[in-house]
Protein backbone atom coordinates (compact mmCIF):
# COMPACT_ATOMS: atom_id res chain seq x y z
CA MET A 1 0.00 0.00 0.00
CA ASP A 2 1.19 3.49 -0.66
CA ASP A 3 1.84 5.86 2.24
CA ALA A 4 -1.12 8.24 1.50
CA ARG A 5 -3.65 5.36 1.48
CA ARG A 6 -2.09 3.84 4.63
CA GLU A 7 -2.34 7.25 6.38
CA LYS A 8 -6.04 7.61 5.38
CA ILE A 9 -6.86 4.10 6.58
CA GLY A 10 -4.86 4.79 9.71
CA SER A 11 -6.86 7.97 10.49
CA GLN A 12 -10.16 6.10 10.01
CA ALA A 13 -8.94 3.30 12.22
CA SER A 14 -7.94 5.75 14.94
CA THR A 15 -11.43 7.28 14.77
CA VAL A 16 -13.02 3.86 15.13
CA ASP A 17 -10.55 3.06 17.93
CA ARG A 18 -11.57 6.29 19.72
CA LEU A 19 -15.23 5.28 19.48
CA GLY A 20 -14.38 1.82 20.74
CA SER A 21 -16.07 -1.45 19.98
CA GLY A 22 -19.15 -0.40 22.00
CA ALA A 23 -19.86 2.57 19.73
CA THR A 24 -23.54 3.35 19.41
CA MET A 25 -25.41 4.64 16.41
CA ARG A 26 -25.62 8.00 18.18
CA ASP A 27 -21.83 8.20 18.37
CA MET A 28 -21.58 7.36 14.69
CA ALA A 29 -24.23 9.97 13.85
CA LYS A 30 -22.16 12.59 15.68
CA LEU A 31 -19.17 11.55 13.63
CA SER A 32 -21.28 11.78 10.47
CA LEU A 33 -22.35 15.33 11.38
CA ARG A 34 -18.73 16.34 11.82
CA TRP A 35 -17.98 15.16 8.29
CA ASN A 36 -20.85 17.29 6.92
CA THR A 37 -19.73 20.47 8.69
CA PRO A 38 -18.73 22.31 5.46
CA TYR A 39 -22.26 21.78 4.09
CA ARG A 40 -24.14 22.99 7.16
CA PRO A 41 -24.38 26.67 6.13
CA PHE A 42 -25.59 25.65 2.67
CA LEU A 43 -28.21 23.30 4.15
CA LEU A 44 -29.35 25.95 6.64
CA VAL A 45 -29.75 28.63 3.96
CA THR A 46 -31.59 26.16 1.69
CA ALA A 47 -33.97 25.17 4.52
CA ILE A 48 -34.70 28.82 5.36
CA LEU A 49 -35.41 29.65 1.71
CA LEU A 50 -37.72 26.65 1.33
CA VAL A 51 -39.67 27.49 4.47
CA ASN A 52 -39.95 31.13 3.43
CA ALA A 53 -41.14 30.21 -0.06
CA ALA A 54 -43.71 27.78 1.31
CA GLY A 55 -44.90 30.36 3.85
CA CYS A 56 -45.32 33.10 1.27
CA SER A 57 -47.29 30.95 -1.12
CA SER A 58 -49.69 29.84 1.60
CA LEU A 59 -50.31 33.40 2.74
CA GLY A 60 -51.55 34.62 -0.62
CA SER A 61 -53.86 37.55 -0.28
CA ALA A 62 -55.75 38.40 2.88
CA PRO A 63 -59.12 36.72 3.26
CA ASN A 64 -62.20 38.71 2.36
CA GLY A 65 -64.56 40.19 4.89
CA LYS A 66 -68.34 39.86 4.80
CA ILE A 67 -71.31 42.17 4.84
CA SER A 68 -74.43 40.44 6.11
CA VAL A 69 -77.86 42.04 5.93
CA GLN A 70 -81.06 40.60 7.39
CA ALA A 71 -84.26 42.31 6.30
CA VAL A 72 -87.35 41.63 8.39
CA SER A 73 -90.91 42.70 7.76
CA TRP A 74 -92.50 44.64 10.63
CA THR A 75 -95.90 43.45 9.44
CA LEU A 76 -94.80 39.81 9.68
CA VAL A 77 -93.08 40.45 13.02
CA GLN A 78 -96.39 41.70 14.44
CA LYS A 79 -98.51 39.07 12.75
CA LEU A 80 -96.32 36.05 13.60
CA ALA A 81 -94.76 37.37 16.82
CA GLU A 82 -91.45 36.30 15.28
CA PRO A 83 -88.63 38.86 15.63
CA ASP A 84 -86.71 37.33 12.70
CA ALA A 85 -89.57 37.17 10.16
CA GLY A 86 -87.44 37.39 7.02
CA LEU A 87 -88.37 39.60 4.13
CA SER A 88 -87.37 37.94 0.88
CA GLY A 89 -86.60 39.92 -2.28
CA HIS A 90 -85.27 43.07 -0.56
CA LYS A 91 -82.60 44.68 -2.76
CA VAL A 92 -79.21 45.48 -1.21
CA THR A 93 -76.28 47.09 -3.05
CA VAL A 94 -72.63 47.57 -2.06
CA LEU A 95 -70.90 50.57 -3.67
CA ASN A 96 -67.32 51.75 -3.90
CA PRO A 97 -67.55 55.13 -2.10
CA THR A 98 -64.89 56.73 -4.31
CA ASP A 99 -66.51 56.35 -7.70
CA LYS A 100 -69.96 55.00 -6.69
CA SER A 101 -69.43 51.86 -8.82
CA VAL A 102 -71.37 48.74 -7.83
CA VAL A 103 -69.16 46.23 -6.03
CA ALA A 104 -71.97 43.75 -5.35
CA SER A 105 -75.74 43.67 -5.51
CA GLY A 106 -78.50 41.18 -4.81
CA THR A 107 -81.78 40.45 -3.09
CA THR A 108 -82.43 38.76 0.22
CA ASP A 109 -83.27 35.05 0.24
CA SER A 110 -86.40 33.43 1.73
CA SER A 111 -84.99 34.02 5.23
CA GLY A 112 -84.47 37.70 4.49
CA ILE A 113 -80.68 37.35 4.52
CA ILE A 114 -78.04 38.31 1.99
CA GLU A 115 -74.27 38.14 2.42
CA PHE A 116 -71.53 39.69 0.35
CA SER A 117 -67.89 38.58 0.44
CA VAL A 118 -65.73 41.64 -0.28
CA PRO A 119 -62.08 42.61 0.14
CA ALA A 120 -61.21 44.62 3.25
CA GLY A 121 -62.07 48.29 2.80
CA THR A 122 -64.73 50.96 3.13
CA TYR A 123 -68.02 50.64 1.26
CA THR A 124 -71.38 52.38 0.94
CA LEU A 125 -74.31 50.08 1.61
CA LEU A 126 -77.70 50.83 0.03
CA GLY A 127 -80.86 49.08 1.16
CA ALA A 128 -79.81 48.28 4.72
CA SER A 129 -81.53 51.40 6.07
CA ASP A 130 -83.40 54.45 4.84
CA GLU A 131 -80.09 56.24 4.21
CA PRO A 132 -76.83 54.97 2.68
CA GLU A 133 -74.60 53.34 5.30
CA THR A 134 -70.80 53.60 5.36
CA VAL A 135 -69.34 50.20 6.20
CA GLN A 136 -65.76 49.43 7.19
CA VAL A 137 -65.00 45.78 6.36
CA GLN A 138 -61.98 44.08 7.89
CA SER A 139 -60.33 40.95 6.59
CA GLY A 140 -61.93 37.81 8.04
CA GLN A 141 -64.67 39.79 9.85
CA THR A 142 -68.42 40.08 9.26
CA GLN A 143 -70.31 43.37 9.48
CA SER A 144 -73.97 42.54 10.24
CA PHE A 145 -77.04 44.70 9.74
CA LYS A 146 -80.67 44.06 10.61
CA LEU A 147 -83.25 46.12 8.78
CA VAL A 148 -86.86 46.27 9.89
CA VAL A 149 -89.00 47.28 6.92
CA HIS A 150 -92.29 49.04 7.81
CA GLY A 151 -95.13 49.06 5.34
CA LYS A 152 -94.74 47.86 1.78
CA GLN A 153 -91.37 46.73 0.50
CA LYS A 154 -89.51 49.15 -1.76
CA SER A 155 -87.85 47.71 -4.85
């Protein structure tokens, strides 16, 4: 054997001798980690970049908020003694307050309820009261309104 190979085998043997014949897997794992020391910074940076990339993609955009309107008929409330007597077909509109463009619009269902999912922001709500309502919607939150309609329903 040449001297360089004998020296390499000799250094491995001395490592095994230092561990002894009762060396555990844990001891060998520690030895393995020592051999990978030059790659640790690279592995750490790679792991941080992967976690950051995965975290950013799962965040995406903020969840929408909701505007919920329940319209009840005062006539039905009195007649049925039911405080949540829904008024179906009541028109509700959500406007952008800056340019008055329609963000969402619809009519209440058979329970008298309509919900709009909108991005966080400030809106003007028509049909939830006699006057336009300014609504501040926050991400993941619901702004609820209950409207009691007296007399005949307005379209």
